[in-house]
Amino acid sequence: MGLARTFKLSLTFIALFVLIAACGPSPLEEARELVPIGTPRDDAIRILSETSWYHQPCPNVITIDDLFFFGSRKYDRADVVIVRSEPVEGIFIVYDISSFEPYAWHAAYRDCLQRNMFED
């Protein structure tokens, strides 16, 4: 009886540990903690490039969207964090940090991405 109870208790602790590990911050939450709005774009790129596996700048007419990819390297499963910057007195400054569901960013950024950076 004592051994069975110890085994159940061990399984409970293992399950709790797995749940805590799985409940860590998402890449978006982590990016928002690390890069406050108003951060210079170059600093944001340096900070997020430390943990992302792929960074792709996507310039617009005036602003720049920087895409940072985390997690899976599969095109349909990768987590994306989008950092939007605008010029302020000659320096690009972060004004928004967001994300998309996979198929939404596929459409919005299809002409900007290097598809060969992803696994099949």
Protein backbone atom coordinates (compact mmCIF):
# COMPACT_ATOMS: atom_id res chain seq x y z
CA MET A 1 0.00 0.00 0.00
CA GLY A 2 2.81 2.43 0.84
CA LEU A 3 4.63 1.74 -2.42
CA ALA A 4 1.46 2.29 -4.49
CA ARG A 5 0.80 5.58 -2.71
CA THR A 6 4.40 6.75 -3.29
CA PHE A 7 4.08 5.84 -6.97
CA LYS A 8 0.82 7.82 -7.32
CA LEU A 9 2.37 10.78 -5.54
CA SER A 10 5.39 10.66 -7.86
CA LEU A 11 3.13 10.58 -10.92
CA THR A 12 1.20 13.55 -9.56
CA PHE A 13 4.42 15.57 -9.15
CA ILE A 14 5.57 14.65 -12.65
CA ALA A 15 2.21 15.68 -14.13
CA LEU A 16 2.32 18.96 -12.19
CA PHE A 17 5.85 19.67 -13.43
CA VAL A 18 4.80 19.03 -17.05
CA LEU A 19 1.79 21.33 -16.68
CA ILE A 20 3.89 24.13 -15.20
CA ALA A 21 6.45 23.81 -18.00
CA ALA A 22 3.70 23.86 -20.63
CA CYS A 23 2.12 26.96 -19.11
CA GLY A 24 5.17 29.14 -19.69
CA PRO A 25 4.75 32.44 -21.46
CA SER A 26 3.95 32.36 -25.16
CA PRO A 27 6.48 33.89 -27.56
CA LEU A 28 4.17 36.91 -27.89
CA GLU A 29 3.94 37.41 -24.13
CA GLU A 30 7.68 37.04 -23.77
CA ALA A 31 8.35 39.52 -26.60
CA ARG A 32 6.05 42.07 -25.00
CA GLU A 33 7.94 41.71 -21.72
CA LEU A 34 11.36 41.99 -23.34
CA VAL A 35 10.60 44.77 -25.83
CA PRO A 36 8.47 47.63 -24.51
CA ILE A 37 6.67 49.91 -26.95
CA GLY A 38 9.03 52.77 -27.75
CA THR A 39 12.13 50.57 -27.98
CA PRO A 40 14.42 51.33 -30.93
CA ARG A 41 13.93 48.75 -33.70
CA ASP A 42 17.61 47.75 -33.73
CA ASP A 43 17.42 46.89 -30.02
CA ALA A 44 14.21 44.88 -30.54
CA ILE A 45 15.87 42.89 -33.34
CA ARG A 46 18.91 42.17 -31.19
CA ILE A 47 16.80 41.07 -28.22
CA LEU A 48 14.32 38.85 -30.09
CA SER A 49 16.94 37.34 -32.38
CA GLU A 50 18.52 35.73 -29.32
CA THR A 51 15.59 33.32 -28.93
CA SER A 52 13.90 33.20 -32.35
CA TRP A 53 15.10 30.80 -35.03
CA TYR A 54 14.30 33.11 -37.95
CA HIS A 55 13.94 36.88 -38.36
CA GLN A 56 12.50 38.40 -41.52
CA PRO A 57 12.18 42.17 -42.03
CA CYS A 58 9.22 43.18 -44.19
CA PRO A 59 9.42 46.87 -45.14
CA ASN A 60 6.24 48.73 -45.98
CA VAL A 61 5.91 52.19 -47.55
CA ILE A 62 6.77 54.01 -44.31
CA THR A 63 6.85 51.40 -41.54
CA ILE A 64 8.68 48.08 -41.13
CA ASP A 65 7.23 44.81 -39.87
CA ASP A 66 9.83 42.45 -38.42
CA LEU A 67 8.69 38.84 -38.18
CA PHE A 68 10.30 36.59 -35.58
CA PHE A 69 9.60 32.87 -35.64
CA PHE A 70 9.58 30.58 -32.61
CA GLY A 71 8.74 26.99 -31.80
CA SER A 72 8.12 24.65 -34.70
CA ARG A 73 10.09 25.14 -37.90
CA LYS A 74 7.16 23.84 -39.94
CA TYR A 75 5.46 26.47 -42.08
CA ASP A 76 1.99 25.57 -40.82
CA ARG A 77 2.95 25.40 -37.13
CA ALA A 78 5.51 28.12 -36.46
CA ASP A 79 4.66 30.81 -33.92
CA VAL A 80 5.22 34.31 -35.27
CA VAL A 81 5.75 37.55 -33.38
CA ILE A 82 5.33 40.70 -35.47
CA VAL A 83 7.15 43.82 -34.34
CA ARG A 84 5.97 46.97 -36.11
CA SER A 85 8.23 50.03 -36.18
CA GLU A 86 7.80 53.54 -37.52
CA PRO A 87 10.32 56.32 -38.07
CA VAL A 88 10.53 58.89 -35.28
CA GLU A 89 13.11 61.63 -35.77
CA GLY A 90 15.12 59.41 -38.11
CA ILE A 91 15.11 56.28 -35.93
CA PHE A 92 12.69 53.37 -36.28
CA ILE A 93 10.80 52.88 -33.00
CA VAL A 94 8.58 49.92 -32.05
CA TYR A 95 4.91 50.92 -31.89
CA ASP A 96 3.19 47.50 -31.84
CA ILE A 97 3.94 43.87 -31.02
CA SER A 98 1.39 41.30 -32.15
CA SER A 99 0.89 37.88 -33.66
CA PHE A 100 -1.31 36.07 -36.18
CA GLU A 101 -2.71 32.62 -36.51
CA PRO A 102 -0.57 30.66 -38.98
CA TYR A 103 -2.82 30.94 -42.01
CA ALA A 104 -3.35 34.67 -41.47
CA TRP A 105 0.36 35.49 -41.56
CA HIS A 106 0.81 33.17 -44.54
CA ALA A 107 -1.48 35.41 -46.56
CA ALA A 108 -0.34 38.74 -45.16
CA TYR A 109 3.40 38.10 -45.59
CA ARG A 110 3.60 35.56 -48.43
CA ASP A 111 5.66 37.90 -50.65
CA CYS A 112 8.12 38.72 -47.88
CA LEU A 113 9.07 35.34 -46.42
CA GLN A 114 11.85 33.05 -47.52
CA ARG A 115 9.91 29.81 -47.64
CA ASN A 116 13.14 27.76 -47.71
CA MET A 117 13.75 28.77 -44.06
CA PHE A 118 10.93 26.41 -43.04
CA GLU A 119 10.83 22.63 -42.92
CA ASP A 120 8.32 20.82 -45.13
